[in-house]
């Protein structure tokens, strides 16, 4: 295989990896939102969840409200 062929093969492999990882991260984000909502339902707050994750309460609030923001975007588009 020549240099161009190897570079193309690497490009295609990297692209396939990116597509797979994008799908995986989407599922992980959904799981994180669902678990955080369950914890809130059990009486935990965003500050407690944030401490467990090592992030700010604003970050927790942000990922919890993600779906709400997406629905607003779709409705106004």
Protein backbone atom coordinates (compact mmCIF):
# COMPACT_ATOMS: atom_id res chain seq x y z
CA UNK A 1 0.00 0.00 0.00
CA UNK A 2 1.38 3.40 -0.91
CA UNK A 3 1.61 6.43 1.36
CA UNK A 4 -1.68 7.87 0.10
CA UNK A 5 -3.48 4.57 0.54
CA UNK A 6 -2.23 4.24 4.14
CA UNK A 7 -3.28 7.81 4.91
CA UNK A 8 -6.73 7.18 3.44
CA UNK A 9 -7.10 3.94 5.42
CA UNK A 10 -6.17 5.82 8.62
CA UNK A 11 -8.64 8.60 7.79
CA UNK A 12 -11.46 6.10 7.25
CA UNK A 13 -10.60 4.20 10.43
CA UNK A 14 -10.48 7.40 12.49
CA UNK A 15 -13.80 8.53 11.02
CA UNK A 16 -15.43 5.22 11.92
CA UNK A 17 -14.03 5.53 15.46
CA UNK A 18 -15.47 9.04 15.76
CA UNK A 19 -18.91 7.86 14.69
CA UNK A 20 -18.82 4.98 17.18
CA UNK A 21 -17.59 7.17 20.04
CA UNK A 22 -20.19 9.84 19.29
CA UNK A 23 -22.93 7.24 19.62
CA UNK A 24 -21.41 5.89 22.85
CA UNK A 25 -21.11 9.31 24.45
CA UNK A 26 -24.71 10.11 23.57
CA UNK A 27 -25.86 7.00 25.43
CA UNK A 28 -23.59 7.79 28.40
CA UNK A 29 -24.94 11.34 28.63
CA UNK A 30 -28.51 10.05 28.63
CA UNK A 31 -27.63 7.54 31.38
CA UNK A 32 -25.99 10.32 33.43
CA UNK A 33 -29.08 12.55 33.12
CA UNK A 34 -31.41 9.70 34.05
CA UNK A 35 -29.34 8.70 37.08
CA UNK A 36 -29.07 12.32 38.27
CA UNK A 37 -32.83 12.75 37.94
CA UNK A 38 -33.37 9.59 39.98
CA UNK A 39 -31.05 10.93 42.70
CA UNK A 40 -32.95 14.23 42.73
CA UNK A 41 -36.16 12.24 43.05
CA UNK A 42 -34.60 10.53 46.07
CA UNK A 43 -33.95 13.90 47.69
CA UNK A 44 -30.41 14.72 46.61
CA UNK A 45 -29.64 18.16 45.23
CA UNK A 46 -27.49 19.34 42.37
CA UNK A 47 -24.71 20.41 44.78
CA UNK A 48 -24.48 16.89 46.22
CA UNK A 49 -24.48 15.33 42.75
CA UNK A 50 -21.83 17.82 41.63
CA UNK A 51 -19.56 16.88 44.53
CA UNK A 52 -19.87 13.20 43.63
CA UNK A 53 -18.87 13.94 40.03
CA UNK A 54 -16.21 16.55 40.79
CA UNK A 55 -18.03 19.22 38.75
CA UNK A 56 -19.89 22.42 39.56
CA UNK A 57 -23.59 22.50 40.44
CA UNK A 58 -24.01 24.63 37.30
CA UNK A 59 -22.63 21.75 35.20
CA UNK A 60 -25.16 19.38 36.74
CA UNK A 61 -27.95 21.87 36.14
CA UNK A 62 -26.74 22.22 32.55
CA UNK A 63 -26.80 18.55 31.71
CA UNK A 64 -30.12 18.05 33.49
CA UNK A 65 -31.71 20.81 31.40
CA UNK A 66 -30.14 19.67 28.11
CA UNK A 67 -33.23 17.87 26.85
CA UNK A 68 -35.43 20.83 27.75
CA UNK A 69 -33.19 23.18 25.74
CA UNK A 70 -33.21 20.81 22.75
CA UNK A 71 -37.01 20.68 22.76
CA UNK A 72 -37.17 24.49 22.82
CA UNK A 73 -34.76 24.66 19.86
CA UNK A 74 -36.88 22.23 17.86
CA UNK A 75 -40.04 24.15 18.69
CA UNK A 76 -38.63 27.49 17.58
CA UNK A 77 -36.89 26.22 14.44
